Amino acid sequence: MCHALSMDALDISYRLKRLGKTQSQIARDLGVRQGVVSNVIHDRATAHGVASYIAELLGMRVEELWPDRYCFKPRAPMRRARPAKSCIDGEVAP
């Protein structure tokens, strides 16, 4: 079940800063550009590896930080296809 917390990009940045982590440091840790980290924090881009790393630093799950992006939404049940008729003696099933 996903529920939104009242954390926005400023809250996330503040908590990272309290941990002594900057966006530039996170980018270096992960081998990405700082802009990618910023875009993930501000919910402008999807980079699950970056989001997971940030969530781990904050002791949270990605679903808690970005519930609209990472919340599991079950799909509607798929209709089952009718089983194919078997071919007997070289007949072709319609």
Protein backbone atom coordinates (compact mmCIF):
# COMPACT_ATOMS: atom_id res chain seq x y z
CA MET A 1 0.00 0.00 0.00
CA CYS A 2 1.38 3.40 -0.95
CA HIS A 3 0.71 6.51 0.99
CA ALA A 4 2.23 9.90 0.39
CA LEU A 5 4.45 11.50 2.96
CA SER A 6 4.73 15.24 3.17
CA MET A 7 8.29 15.26 1.83
CA ASP A 8 9.08 17.43 -1.12
CA ALA A 9 12.38 18.10 -2.88
CA LEU A 10 13.42 20.66 -0.25
CA ASP A 11 12.77 18.17 2.57
CA ILE A 12 14.79 15.49 0.78
CA SER A 13 17.67 17.89 0.08
CA TYR A 14 17.63 19.10 3.69
CA ARG A 15 17.74 15.58 5.10
CA LEU A 16 20.58 14.64 2.75
CA LYS A 17 22.50 17.74 3.81
CA ARG A 18 21.95 16.82 7.48
CA LEU A 19 23.57 13.48 6.66
CA GLY A 20 26.49 15.34 5.11
CA LYS A 21 25.61 14.28 1.56
CA THR A 22 25.43 16.73 -1.33
CA GLN A 23 23.92 16.07 -4.73
CA SER A 24 27.43 16.27 -6.21
CA GLN A 25 28.71 13.62 -3.80
CA ILE A 26 25.79 11.34 -4.61
CA ALA A 27 26.44 11.84 -8.32
CA ARG A 28 30.11 10.91 -7.86
CA ASP A 29 29.18 7.87 -5.75
CA LEU A 30 26.89 6.62 -8.51
CA GLY A 31 28.86 7.77 -11.56
CA VAL A 32 26.12 10.04 -12.89
CA ARG A 33 25.86 13.77 -13.51
CA GLN A 34 24.71 16.02 -10.68
CA GLY A 35 21.78 17.11 -12.85
CA VAL A 36 20.44 13.55 -12.84
CA VAL A 37 20.45 13.51 -9.03
CA SER A 38 18.73 16.90 -8.93
CA ASN A 39 16.09 15.80 -11.43
CA VAL A 40 15.33 12.67 -9.42
CA ILE A 41 15.04 14.64 -6.17
CA HIS A 42 12.73 17.18 -7.84
CA ASP A 43 10.63 14.38 -9.41
CA ARG A 44 11.50 15.48 -12.96
CA ALA A 45 13.23 12.27 -14.04
CA THR A 46 13.12 8.57 -13.35
CA ALA A 47 16.41 6.90 -12.49
CA HIS A 48 15.55 4.05 -10.17
CA GLY A 49 19.16 3.43 -9.15
CA VAL A 50 19.58 7.05 -8.04
CA ALA A 51 16.21 7.08 -6.30
CA SER A 52 17.00 3.82 -4.50
CA TYR A 53 20.37 5.14 -3.33
CA ILE A 54 18.80 8.34 -1.97
CA ALA A 55 16.03 6.39 -0.25
CA GLU A 56 18.60 4.06 1.31
CA LEU A 57 20.62 7.03 2.60
CA LEU A 58 17.46 8.40 4.21
CA GLY A 59 16.41 5.03 5.62
CA MET A 60 13.28 4.97 3.49
CA ARG A 61 11.85 3.21 0.45
CA VAL A 62 11.48 4.85 -2.95
CA GLU A 63 7.72 4.29 -2.70
CA GLU A 64 7.66 6.51 0.39
CA LEU A 65 9.67 9.36 -1.13
CA TRP A 66 8.06 9.34 -4.58
CA PRO A 67 4.70 7.54 -4.18
CA ASP A 68 3.26 8.79 -7.48
CA ARG A 69 6.21 7.40 -9.41
CA TYR A 70 7.10 4.17 -7.68
CA CYS A 71 3.83 2.97 -6.17
CA PHE A 72 2.85 -0.48 -7.38
CA LYS A 73 -0.45 -0.30 -9.20
CA PRO A 74 -1.91 -3.71 -9.96
CA ARG A 75 -3.05 -4.26 -13.51
CA ALA A 76 -6.50 -5.41 -14.41
CA PRO A 77 -6.71 -9.18 -14.82
CA MET A 78 -5.77 -10.31 -18.30
CA ARG A 79 -8.30 -12.25 -20.31
CA ARG A 80 -7.14 -15.73 -20.99
CA ALA A 81 -6.78 -16.69 -24.60
CA ARG A 82 -8.65 -19.76 -25.74
CA PRO A 83 -6.35 -22.75 -25.99
CA ALA A 84 -5.31 -23.60 -29.53
CA LYS A 85 -6.96 -26.65 -31.00
CA SER A 86 -4.58 -29.51 -31.54
CA CYS A 87 -3.70 -30.65 -35.01
CA ILE A 88 -4.50 -34.28 -35.72
CA ASP A 89 -3.28 -36.14 -38.80
CA GLY A 90 -1.86 -33.01 -40.43
CA GLU A 91 -5.05 -30.96 -40.08
CA VAL A 92 -4.51 -27.27 -39.50
CA ALA A 93 -6.40 -25.73 -36.61
CA PRO A 94 -8.55 -22.76 -37.60
